[in-house]
Amino acid sequence: MIVYLHGGPAAPDTMVMYTFADQLMDSFTFVGWDQRGAGRTYYRNRASDPNNRTATFASALSDLDELVDYVRERFGKEKIILMGHSYGTILGSQYVLAHPEKVADYIAVGQVVSTPDGDLLSYQDALEKARLAGDDTRDMEEACETFIADRTLWNMLQLRQYVSPYHRAAKEANTLWQGISSPYFGIDDFRWFLMQAFDVDAYLSLNQQLFDAIMTYRAMDKGLSYEVPVYFISGAEDWICPVELIETYMERISAPEKSLSLIPESGHAPQTDSPEDFVQVVREVLK
């Protein structure tokens, strides 16, 4: 029984989960969930909370606990496997630390250790590559100075505009095509995607409380003693959540079993960039 937590925050990927989840369903029941205030869940409940006032990190943890209890009861399982991606690893790691009695294994895909620290590490790597290429780095450096002086989400996104071109993974999934061709594609998926793509201000405003939470989150300060096995999986070319930070975090935590598996040529979403390789790793760590 795998419960999957999407990233973002508020960036559900339910419509593209089939790329990897379908390959696991011969062995596992796979539960995907559009979290509170996101995607299908947002549109289902928009009348009662149109501005996402209740979409906080605390409510996300409470919602997750209700979901876990529901699926445990429905499928007669004492414990579930929790899999989180990106922001979902913030939610997942905090849940596992708080409720080890309900979790058999924790799989962290692109574990968030510290978003600001990750972006500064990514910047340093991009700056070095830009200088080696003889590119003009003045705008990138100015954007970094602005971010350091004021570590807001907006300034981080501005910095990523200059950094991201230097971190194109060899394998990058066409998630738009994966979504449109998905057997699970629905109108609410498309509506939420359009908001993310073409009305960024509305998207950020709806989820400001969650974005504020990730900008101040530091995994090192939230507990390091896990009572369940912890398996980290990352794209080898992930510069959103740099592997270097995850390696440091893994060294610091204690767990009955822990490992880090890297998916070659993949970036921040190895589960959709290289689904076959990803599924193979998941099967290996859970066997």
C-alpha atoms as a PDB file:
ATOM      1  CA  MET A   1       0.000   0.000   0.000  1.00  0.00           C
ATOM      2  CA  ILE A   2       1.725   3.181  -1.221  1.00  0.00           C
ATOM      3  CA  VAL A   3       0.374   6.636  -0.380  1.00  0.00           C
ATOM      4  CA  TYR A   4       1.944   9.217  -2.711  1.00  0.00           C
ATOM      5  CA  LEU A   5       2.403  12.896  -1.800  1.00  0.00           C
ATOM      6  CA  HIS A   6       2.802  15.314  -4.691  1.00  0.00           C
ATOM      7  CA  GLY A   7       5.104  18.304  -4.693  1.00  0.00           C
ATOM      8  CA  GLY A   8       4.736  21.983  -5.392  1.00  0.00           C
ATOM      9  CA  PRO A   9       3.359  22.845  -3.001  1.00  0.00           C
ATOM     10  CA  ALA A  10      -0.067  22.676  -4.637  1.00  0.00           C
ATOM     11  CA  ALA A  11       1.260  21.026  -7.801  1.00  0.00           C
ATOM     12  CA  PRO A  12      -0.652  17.732  -8.060  1.00  0.00           C
ATOM     13  CA  ASP A  13       0.568  15.311 -10.699  1.00  0.00           C
ATOM     14  CA  THR A  14      -2.297  12.854 -10.446  1.00  0.00           C
ATOM     15  CA  MET A  15      -2.803  12.858 -14.198  1.00  0.00           C
ATOM     16  CA  VAL A  16       0.801  11.754 -14.899  1.00  0.00           C
ATOM     17  CA  MET A  17       1.233   9.268 -12.051  1.00  0.00           C
ATOM     18  CA  TYR A  18       0.274   6.454 -14.413  1.00  0.00           C
ATOM     19  CA  THR A  19       3.730   6.696 -16.018  1.00  0.00           C
ATOM     20  CA  PHE A  20       5.254   5.023 -12.966  1.00  0.00           C
ATOM     21  CA  ALA A  21       2.364   3.991 -10.684  1.00  0.00           C
ATOM     22  CA  ASP A  22       0.788   1.638 -13.226  1.00  0.00           C
ATOM     23  CA  GLN A  23       4.025  -0.363 -13.238  1.00  0.00           C
ATOM     24  CA  LEU A  24       3.792  -0.852  -9.471  1.00  0.00           C
ATOM     25  CA  MET A  25       0.147  -1.836  -9.270  1.00  0.00           C
ATOM     26  CA  ASP A  26       0.811  -5.526  -9.770  1.00  0.00           C
ATOM     27  CA  SER A  27       2.463  -5.494  -6.337  1.00  0.00           C
ATOM     28  CA  PHE A  28       1.007  -2.481  -4.530  1.00  0.00           C
ATOM     29  CA  THR A  29      -2.216  -0.572  -4.091  1.00  0.00           C
ATOM     30  CA  PHE A  30      -1.253   2.979  -5.097  1.00  0.00           C
ATOM     31  CA  VAL A  31      -3.062   5.986  -3.604  1.00  0.00           C
ATOM     32  CA  GLY A  32      -2.730   9.392  -5.267  1.00  0.00           C
ATOM     33  CA  TRP A  33      -4.116  12.482  -3.567  1.00  0.00           C
ATOM     34  CA  ASP A  34      -4.636  16.069  -4.685  1.00  0.00           C
ATOM     35  CA  GLN A  35      -3.911  17.815  -1.407  1.00  0.00           C
ATOM     36  CA  ARG A  36      -6.148  20.437   0.212  1.00  0.00           C
ATOM     37  CA  GLY A  37      -6.515  23.538  -1.936  1.00  0.00           C
ATOM     38  CA  ALA A  38      -4.932  21.965  -5.027  1.00  0.00           C
ATOM     39  CA  GLY A  39      -6.179  20.499  -8.294  1.00  0.00           C
ATOM     40  CA  ARG A  40      -9.277  18.348  -8.108  1.00  0.00           C
ATOM     41  CA  THR A  41      -9.614  18.882  -4.358  1.00  0.00           C
ATOM     42  CA  TYR A  42      -9.609  22.665  -4.789  1.00  0.00           C
ATOM     43  CA  TYR A  43     -12.417  22.621  -7.340  1.00  0.00           C
ATOM     44  CA  ARG A  44     -14.428  20.115  -5.305  1.00  0.00           C
ATOM     45  CA  ASN A  45     -14.316  22.454  -2.282  1.00  0.00           C
ATOM     46  CA  ARG A  46     -13.953  25.891  -3.871  1.00  0.00           C
ATOM     47  CA  ALA A  47     -17.396  27.067  -2.752  1.00  0.00           C
ATOM     48  CA  SER A  48     -16.522  26.583   0.927  1.00  0.00           C
ATOM     49  CA  ASP A  49     -12.942  27.897   0.776  1.00  0.00           C
ATOM     50  CA  PRO A  50     -12.374  29.870  -2.467  1.00  0.00           C
ATOM     51  CA  ASN A  51      -9.238  31.621  -1.200  1.00  0.00           C
ATOM     52  CA  ASN A  52      -7.611  28.564   0.390  1.00  0.00           C
ATOM     53  CA  ARG A  53      -7.652  30.052   3.889  1.00  0.00           C
ATOM     54  CA  THR A  54      -7.567  26.564   5.385  1.00  0.00           C
ATOM     55  CA  ALA A  55      -4.685  25.338   3.177  1.00  0.00           C
ATOM     56  CA  THR A  56      -1.880  25.454   5.734  1.00  0.00           C
ATOM     57  CA  PHE A  57       0.957  23.065   6.481  1.00  0.00           C
ATOM     58  CA  ALA A  58      -0.701  22.107   9.755  1.00  0.00           C
ATOM     59  CA  SER A  59      -3.926  21.235   7.966  1.00  0.00           C
ATOM     60  CA  ALA A  60      -1.963  19.236   5.377  1.00  0.00           C
ATOM     61  CA  LEU A  61      -0.458  17.091   8.142  1.00  0.00           C
ATOM     62  CA  SER A  62      -3.890  16.609   9.710  1.00  0.00           C
ATOM     63  CA  ASP A  63      -5.426  15.740   6.331  1.00  0.00           C
ATOM     64  CA  LEU A  64      -2.669  13.231   5.665  1.00  0.00           C
ATOM     65  CA  ASP A  65      -3.274  11.529   8.988  1.00  0.00           C
ATOM     66  CA  GLU A  66      -6.966  11.186   8.149  1.00  0.00           C
ATOM     67  CA  LEU A  67      -6.110   9.780   4.722  1.00  0.00           C
ATOM     68  CA  VAL A  68      -3.647   7.270   6.155  1.00  0.00           C
ATOM     69  CA  ASP A  69      -6.178   6.097   8.734  1.00  0.00           C
ATOM     70  CA  TYR A  70      -8.832   5.808   6.030  1.00  0.00           C
ATOM     71  CA  VAL A  71      -6.755   3.643   3.687  1.00  0.00           C
ATOM     72  CA  ARG A  72      -5.416   1.517   6.559  1.00  0.00           C
ATOM     73  CA  GLU A  73      -8.966   0.732   7.613  1.00  0.00           C
ATOM     74  CA  ARG A  74     -10.354   0.287   4.116  1.00  0.00           C
ATOM     75  CA  PHE A  75      -7.626  -2.104   2.979  1.00  0.00           C
ATOM     76  CA  GLY A  76      -6.962  -3.772   6.323  1.00  0.00           C
ATOM     77  CA  LYS A  77      -3.341  -2.678   6.646  1.00  0.00           C
ATOM     78  CA  GLU A  78      -1.570  -1.885   9.889  1.00  0.00           C
ATOM     79  CA  LYS A  79       1.008   0.270   8.111  1.00  0.00           C
ATOM     80  CA  ILE A  80       1.410   1.977   4.749  1.00  0.00           C
ATOM     81  CA  ILE A  81       4.399   2.910   2.592  1.00  0.00           C
ATOM     82  CA  LEU A  82       4.686   6.684   2.301  1.00  0.00           C
ATOM     83  CA  MET A  83       6.222   8.146  -0.852  1.00  0.00           C
ATOM     84  CA  GLY A  84       6.743  11.900  -1.198  1.00  0.00           C
ATOM     85  CA  HIS A  85       8.116  14.009  -4.027  1.00  0.00           C
ATOM     86  CA  SER A  86       9.730  17.441  -3.535  1.00  0.00           C
ATOM     87  CA  TYR A  87       7.394  19.455  -1.271  1.00  0.00           C
ATOM     88  CA  GLY A  88       5.733  16.123  -0.563  1.00  0.00           C
ATOM     89  CA  THR A  89       8.955  15.087   1.225  1.00  0.00           C
ATOM     90  CA  ILE A  90       8.525  17.958   3.691  1.00  0.00           C
ATOM     91  CA  LEU A  91       5.042  16.716   4.459  1.00  0.00           C
ATOM     92  CA  GLY A  92       6.115  13.079   4.342  1.00  0.00           C
ATOM     93  CA  SER A  93       9.195  13.348   6.544  1.00  0.00           C
ATOM     94  CA  GLN A  94       7.339  15.279   9.228  1.00  0.00           C
ATOM     95  CA  TYR A  95       4.510  12.758   9.169  1.00  0.00           C
ATOM     96  CA  VAL A  96       6.844   9.773   9.434  1.00  0.00           C
ATOM     97  CA  LEU A  97       8.698  11.316  12.365  1.00  0.00           C
ATOM     98  CA  ALA A  98       5.382  11.943  14.139  1.00  0.00           C
ATOM     99  CA  HIS A  99       3.575   8.674  13.258  1.00  0.00           C
ATOM    100  CA  PRO A 100       6.086   5.833  12.812  1.00  0.00           C
ATOM    101  CA  GLU A 101       3.472   3.382  14.085  1.00  0.00           C
ATOM    102  CA  LYS A 102       1.470   3.889  10.873  1.00  0.00           C
ATOM    103  CA  VAL A 103       4.326   3.790   8.329  1.00  0.00           C
ATOM    104  CA  ALA A 104       6.284   0.741   7.157  1.00  0.00           C
ATOM    105  CA  ASP A 105       8.745   2.535   4.853  1.00  0.00           C
ATOM    106  CA  TYR A 106       9.386   6.103   3.727  1.00  0.00           C
ATOM    107  CA  ILE A 107      10.478   6.821   0.146  1.00  0.00           C
ATOM    108  CA  ALA A 108      11.676  10.396  -0.443  1.00  0.00           C
ATOM    109  CA  VAL A 109      11.943  11.458  -4.086  1.00  0.00           C
ATOM    110  CA  GLY A 110      13.943  14.683  -4.321  1.00  0.00           C
ATOM    111  CA  GLN A 111      14.050  15.261  -0.554  1.00  0.00           C
ATOM    112  CA  VAL A 112      13.819  18.920   0.453  1.00  0.00           C
ATOM    113  CA  VAL A 113      16.521  19.771   2.991  1.00  0.00           C
ATOM    114  CA  SER A 114      16.410  23.577   2.721  1.00  0.00           C
ATOM    115  CA  THR A 115      14.940  25.345  -0.285  1.00  0.00           C
ATOM    116  CA  PRO A 116      17.034  28.549   0.001  1.00  0.00           C
ATOM    117  CA  ASP A 117      20.257  26.604   0.608  1.00  0.00           C
ATOM    118  CA  GLY A 118      19.477  24.361  -2.350  1.00  0.00           C
ATOM    119  CA  ASP A 119      18.951  27.303  -4.660  1.00  0.00           C
ATOM    120  CA  LEU A 120      22.185  28.961  -3.568  1.00  0.00           C
ATOM    121  CA  LEU A 121      24.080  25.710  -4.190  1.00  0.00           C
ATOM    122  CA  SER A 122      22.414  25.446  -7.588  1.00  0.00           C
ATOM    123  CA  TYR A 123      23.393  29.041  -8.320  1.00  0.00           C
ATOM    124  CA  GLN A 124      27.060  28.386  -7.542  1.00  0.00           C
ATOM    125  CA  ASP A 125      27.134  25.459  -9.957  1.00  0.00           C
ATOM    126  CA  ALA A 126      25.341  27.425 -12.695  1.00  0.00           C
ATOM    127  CA  LEU A 127      27.640  30.418 -12.208  1.00  0.00           C
ATOM    128  CA  GLU A 128      30.701  28.221 -12.670  1.00  0.00           C
ATOM    129  CA  LYS A 129      29.261  26.682 -15.837  1.00  0.00           C
ATOM    130  CA  ALA A 130      28.297  30.090 -17.211  1.00  0.00           C
ATOM    131  CA  ARG A 131      31.771  31.484 -16.638  1.00  0.00           C
ATOM    132  CA  LEU A 132      33.389  28.459 -18.277  1.00  0.00           C
ATOM    133  CA  ALA A 133      31.126  29.050 -21.278  1.00  0.00           C
ATOM    134  CA  GLY A 134      32.118  32.709 -21.396  1.00  0.00           C
ATOM    135  CA  ASP A 135      28.553  33.889 -20.755  1.00  0.00           C
ATOM    136  CA  ASP A 136      27.622  37.218 -19.231  1.00  0.00           C
ATOM    137  CA  THR A 137      26.748  36.451 -15.612  1.00  0.00           C
ATOM    138  CA  ARG A 138      25.927  39.940 -14.358  1.00  0.00           C
ATOM    139  CA  ASP A 139      22.143  39.494 -14.327  1.00  0.00           C
ATOM    140  CA  MET A 140      22.461  36.109 -12.605  1.00  0.00           C
ATOM    141  CA  GLU A 141      24.756  37.524  -9.950  1.00  0.00           C
ATOM    142  CA  GLU A 142      22.459  40.486  -9.365  1.00  0.00           C
ATOM    143  CA  ALA A 143      19.477  38.159  -9.002  1.00  0.00           C
ATOM    144  CA  CYS A 144      21.390  36.123  -6.422  1.00  0.00           C
ATOM    145  CA  GLU A 145      22.317  39.238  -4.443  1.00  0.00           C
ATOM    146  CA  THR A 146      18.645  40.231  -4.411  1.00  0.00           C
ATOM    147  CA  PHE A 147      17.643  36.771  -3.203  1.00  0.00           C
ATOM    148  CA  ILE A 148      20.253  36.729  -0.438  1.00  0.00           C
ATOM    149  CA  ALA A 149      19.098  40.142   0.763  1.00  0.00           C
ATOM    150  CA  ASP A 150      15.416  39.152   0.687  1.00  0.00           C
ATOM    151  CA  ARG A 151      14.707  35.427   0.581  1.00  0.00           C
ATOM    152  CA  THR A 152      11.203  35.573  -0.815  1.00  0.00           C
ATOM    153  CA  LEU A 153       9.568  33.106  -3.153  1.00  0.00           C
ATOM    154  CA  TRP A 154       9.404  35.690  -5.928  1.00  0.00           C
ATOM    155  CA  ASN A 155      13.126  36.470  -5.701  1.00  0.00           C
ATOM    156  CA  MET A 156      13.888  32.757  -5.721  1.00  0.00           C
ATOM    157  CA  LEU A 157      11.841  32.250  -8.883  1.00  0.00           C
ATOM    158  CA  GLN A 158      13.613  35.189 -10.511  1.00  0.00           C
ATOM    159  CA  LEU A 159      16.978  33.637  -9.690  1.00  0.00           C
ATOM    160  CA  ARG A 160      15.879  30.293 -11.121  1.00  0.00           C
ATOM    161  CA  GLN A 161      15.197  31.947 -14.470  1.00  0.00           C
ATOM    162  CA  TYR A 162      18.930  32.525 -14.847  1.00  0.00           C
ATOM    163  CA  VAL A 163      20.087  29.290 -13.198  1.00  0.00           C
ATOM    164  CA  SER A 164      17.761  26.732 -14.795  1.00  0.00           C
ATOM    165  CA  PRO A 165      19.156  26.926 -18.363  1.00  0.00           C
ATOM    166  CA  TYR A 166      22.442  25.523 -17.046  1.00  0.00           C
ATOM    167  CA  HIS A 167      20.751  22.536 -15.439  1.00  0.00           C
ATOM    168  CA  ARG A 168      18.835  20.805 -18.215  1.00  0.00           C
ATOM    169  CA  ALA A 169      18.715  17.101 -17.458  1.00  0.00           C
ATOM    170  CA  ALA A 170      19.523  14.735 -20.294  1.00  0.00           C
ATOM    171  CA  LYS A 171      16.143  13.100 -19.750  1.00  0.00           C
ATOM    172  CA  GLU A 172      13.278  15.527 -19.229  1.00  0.00           C
ATOM    173  CA  ALA A 173       9.740  14.284 -19.541  1.00  0.00           C
ATOM    174  CA  ASN A 174       7.175  16.149 -21.604  1.00  0.00           C
ATOM    175  CA  THR A 175       4.710  16.319 -18.731  1.00  0.00           C
ATOM    176  CA  LEU A 176       2.202  18.313 -20.766  1.00  0.00           C
ATOM    177  CA  TRP A 177       1.953  15.493 -23.305  1.00  0.00           C
ATOM    178  CA  GLN A 178       1.994  12.882 -20.530  1.00  0.00           C
ATOM    179  CA  GLY A 179      -0.940  14.693 -18.930  1.00  0.00           C
ATOM    180  CA  ILE A 180      -3.013  15.191 -22.056  1.00  0.00           C
ATOM    181  CA  SER A 181      -2.561  11.571 -23.095  1.00  0.00           C
ATOM    182  CA  SER A 182      -3.220  10.258 -19.590  1.00  0.00           C
ATOM    183  CA  PRO A 183      -6.013   7.729 -18.994  1.00  0.00           C
ATOM    184  CA  TYR A 184      -6.709   9.676 -15.792  1.00  0.00           C
ATOM    185  CA  PHE A 185      -6.827  13.142 -17.336  1.00  0.00           C
ATOM    186  CA  GLY A 186      -9.789  15.260 -16.217  1.00  0.00           C
ATOM    187  CA  ILE A 187     -11.121  18.765 -16.746  1.00  0.00           C
ATOM    188  CA  ASP A 188     -10.100  19.893 -13.250  1.00  0.00           C
ATOM    189  CA  ASP A 189      -6.545  18.746 -13.921  1.00  0.00           C
ATOM    190  CA  PHE A 190      -6.513  20.939 -17.006  1.00  0.00           C
ATOM    191  CA  ARG A 191      -8.063  23.926 -15.219  1.00  0.00           C
ATOM    192  CA  TRP A 192      -5.441  23.784 -12.472  1.00  0.00           C
ATOM    193  CA  PHE A 193      -2.637  23.412 -15.024  1.00  0.00           C
ATOM    194  CA  LEU A 194      -3.857  26.492 -16.894  1.00  0.00           C
ATOM    195  CA  MET A 195      -3.777  28.509 -13.684  1.00  0.00           C
ATOM    196  CA  GLN A 196      -0.226  27.421 -12.924  1.00  0.00           C
ATOM    197  CA  ALA A 197       0.916  28.189 -16.458  1.00  0.00           C
ATOM    198  CA  PHE A 198      -0.932  31.405 -17.283  1.00  0.00           C
ATOM    199  CA  ASP A 199      -2.114  32.990 -14.025  1.00  0.00           C
ATOM    200  CA  VAL A 200       0.906  32.638 -11.764  1.00  0.00           C
ATOM    201  CA  ASP A 201      -0.151  35.486  -9.487  1.00  0.00           C
ATOM    202  CA  ALA A 202      -3.454  33.749  -8.706  1.00  0.00           C
ATOM    203  CA  TYR A 203      -1.709  30.417  -8.176  1.00  0.00           C
ATOM    204  CA  LEU A 204       0.870  31.894  -5.794  1.00  0.00           C
ATOM    205  CA  SER A 205      -1.748  33.901  -3.951  1.00  0.00           C
ATOM    206  CA  LEU A 206      -3.954  30.863  -3.371  1.00  0.00           C
ATOM    207  CA  ASN A 207      -1.060  28.940  -1.876  1.00  0.00           C
ATOM    208  CA  GLN A 208       0.932  31.700  -0.168  1.00  0.00           C
ATOM    209  CA  GLN A 209       0.734  30.049   3.263  1.00  0.00           C
ATOM    210  CA  LEU A 210       2.338  26.867   1.951  1.00  0.00           C
ATOM    211  CA  PHE A 211       5.038  28.725   0.045  1.00  0.00           C
ATOM    212  CA  ASP A 212       5.880  30.703   3.177  1.00  0.00           C
ATOM    213  CA  ALA A 213       6.275  27.397   5.007  1.00  0.00           C
ATOM    214  CA  ILE A 214       8.744  25.916   2.515  1.00  0.00           C
ATOM    215  CA  MET A 215      10.896  29.059   2.434  1.00  0.00           C
ATOM    216  CA  THR A 216      11.659  28.713   6.150  1.00  0.00           C
ATOM    217  CA  TYR A 217      11.787  24.909   6.342  1.00  0.00           C
ATOM    218  CA  ARG A 218      15.065  23.279   7.378  1.00  0.00           C
ATOM    219  CA  ALA A 219      14.965  19.493   7.623  1.00  0.00           C
ATOM    220  CA  MET A 220      17.990  19.422   9.945  1.00  0.00           C
ATOM    221  CA  ASP A 221      15.963  21.273  12.583  1.00  0.00           C
ATOM    222  CA  LYS A 222      12.846  19.079  12.406  1.00  0.00           C
ATOM    223  CA  GLY A 223      14.071  15.811  13.854  1.00  0.00           C
ATOM    224  CA  LEU A 224      16.687  13.306  12.710  1.00  0.00           C
ATOM    225  CA  SER A 225      15.637  10.055  14.397  1.00  0.00           C
ATOM    226  CA  TYR A 226      13.489   7.904  12.110  1.00  0.00           C
ATOM    227  CA  GLU A 227      11.966   4.691  13.399  1.00  0.00           C
ATOM    228  CA  VAL A 228      11.256   3.315   9.898  1.00  0.00           C
ATOM    229  CA  PRO A 229      13.489   2.583   6.889  1.00  0.00           C
ATOM    230  CA  VAL A 230      14.181   5.687   4.801  1.00  0.00           C
ATOM    231  CA  TYR A 231      14.985   5.425   1.091  1.00  0.00           C
ATOM    232  CA  PHE A 232      16.045   8.518  -0.836  1.00  0.00           C
ATOM    233  CA  ILE A 233      15.677   8.523  -4.621  1.00  0.00           C
ATOM    234  CA  SER A 234      16.927  11.434  -6.704  1.00  0.00           C
ATOM    235  CA  GLY A 235      17.637  12.330 -10.279  1.00  0.00           C
ATOM    236  CA  ALA A 236      21.414  12.491 -10.656  1.00  0.00           C
ATOM    237  CA  GLU A 237      20.952  15.884 -12.337  1.00  0.00           C
ATOM    238  CA  ASP A 238      18.513  17.353  -9.817  1.00  0.00           C
ATOM    239  CA  TRP A 239      19.452  20.948  -8.988  1.00  0.00           C
ATOM    240  CA  ILE A 240      16.106  21.916  -7.441  1.00  0.00           C
ATOM    241  CA  CYS A 241      16.903  19.673  -4.473  1.00  0.00           C
ATOM    242  CA  PRO A 242      20.650  19.152  -4.941  1.00  0.00           C
ATOM    243  CA  VAL A 243      21.977  15.695  -4.208  1.00  0.00           C
ATOM    244  CA  GLU A 244      24.812  17.137  -2.118  1.00  0.00           C
ATOM    245  CA  LEU A 245      22.357  18.424   0.489  1.00  0.00           C
ATOM    246  CA  ILE A 246      20.472  15.113   0.546  1.00  0.00           C
ATOM    247  CA  GLU A 247      23.708  13.204   1.105  1.00  0.00           C
ATOM    248  CA  THR A 248      24.511  15.430   4.078  1.00  0.00           C
ATOM    249  CA  TYR A 249      20.997  14.967   5.475  1.00  0.00           C
ATOM    250  CA  MET A 250      21.151  11.195   5.058  1.00  0.00           C
ATOM    251  CA  GLU A 251      24.427  11.106   6.984  1.00  0.00           C
ATOM    252  CA  ARG A 252      22.823  13.014   9.848  1.00  0.00           C
ATOM    253  CA  ILE A 253      19.660  10.968  10.268  1.00  0.00           C
ATOM    254  CA  SER A 254      19.329   7.672  12.079  1.00  0.00           C
ATOM    255  CA  ALA A 255      17.023   4.973  10.714  1.00  0.00           C
ATOM    256  CA  PRO A 256      16.762   1.166  10.799  1.00  0.00           C
ATOM    257  CA  GLU A 257      17.847   1.255   7.169  1.00  0.00           C
ATOM    258  CA  LYS A 258      18.690   4.129   4.834  1.00  0.00           C
ATOM    259  CA  SER A 259      19.983   4.507   1.296  1.00  0.00           C
ATOM    260  CA  LEU A 260      20.284   6.986  -1.558  1.00  0.00           C
ATOM    261  CA  SER A 261      19.659   5.839  -5.139  1.00  0.00           C
ATOM    262  CA  LEU A 262      20.444   8.105  -8.103  1.00  0.00           C
ATOM    263  CA  ILE A 263      18.605   7.848 -11.423  1.00  0.00           C
ATOM    264  CA  PRO A 264      21.093   8.674 -14.222  1.00  0.00           C
ATOM    265  CA  GLU A 265      20.370  11.595 -16.576  1.00  0.00           C
ATOM    266  CA  SER A 266      17.187  12.560 -14.687  1.00  0.00           C
ATOM    267  CA  GLY A 267      16.366  15.835 -12.983  1.00  0.00           C
ATOM    268  CA  HIS A 268      13.950  16.787 -10.233  1.00  0.00           C
ATOM    269  CA  ALA A 269      11.215  14.324 -11.231  1.00  0.00           C
ATOM    270  CA  PRO A 270      12.890  10.977 -11.960  1.00  0.00           C
ATOM    271  CA  GLN A 271       9.546   9.189 -11.551  1.00  0.00           C
ATOM    272  CA  THR A 272       8.278  10.781 -14.779  1.00  0.00           C
ATOM    273  CA  ASP A 273      11.641  11.471 -16.475  1.00  0.00           C
ATOM    274  CA  SER A 274      12.780   7.832 -16.224  1.00  0.00           C
ATOM    275  CA  PRO A 275       9.780   5.827 -14.967  1.00  0.00           C
ATOM    276  CA  GLU A 276      11.194   2.378 -15.752  1.00  0.00           C
ATOM    277  CA  ASP A 277      14.439   3.093 -13.890  1.00  0.00           C
ATOM    278  CA  PHE A 278      12.493   4.660 -11.046  1.00  0.00           C
ATOM    279  CA  VAL A 279      10.186   1.680 -10.654  1.00  0.00           C
ATOM    280  CA  GLN A 280      13.159  -0.680 -10.657  1.00  0.00           C
ATOM    281  CA  VAL A 281      14.742   1.251  -7.778  1.00  0.00           C
ATOM    282  CA  VAL A 282      11.464   1.301  -5.825  1.00  0.00           C
ATOM    283  CA  ARG A 283      11.115  -2.465  -6.210  1.00  0.00           C
ATOM    284  CA  GLU A 284      14.722  -3.006  -5.118  1.00  0.00           C
ATOM    285  CA  VAL A 285      14.484  -0.935  -1.936  1.00  0.00           C
ATOM    286  CA  LEU A 286      11.117  -2.457  -0.954  1.00  0.00           C
ATOM    287  CA  LYS A 287      11.923  -6.088  -1.726  1.00  0.00           C
END
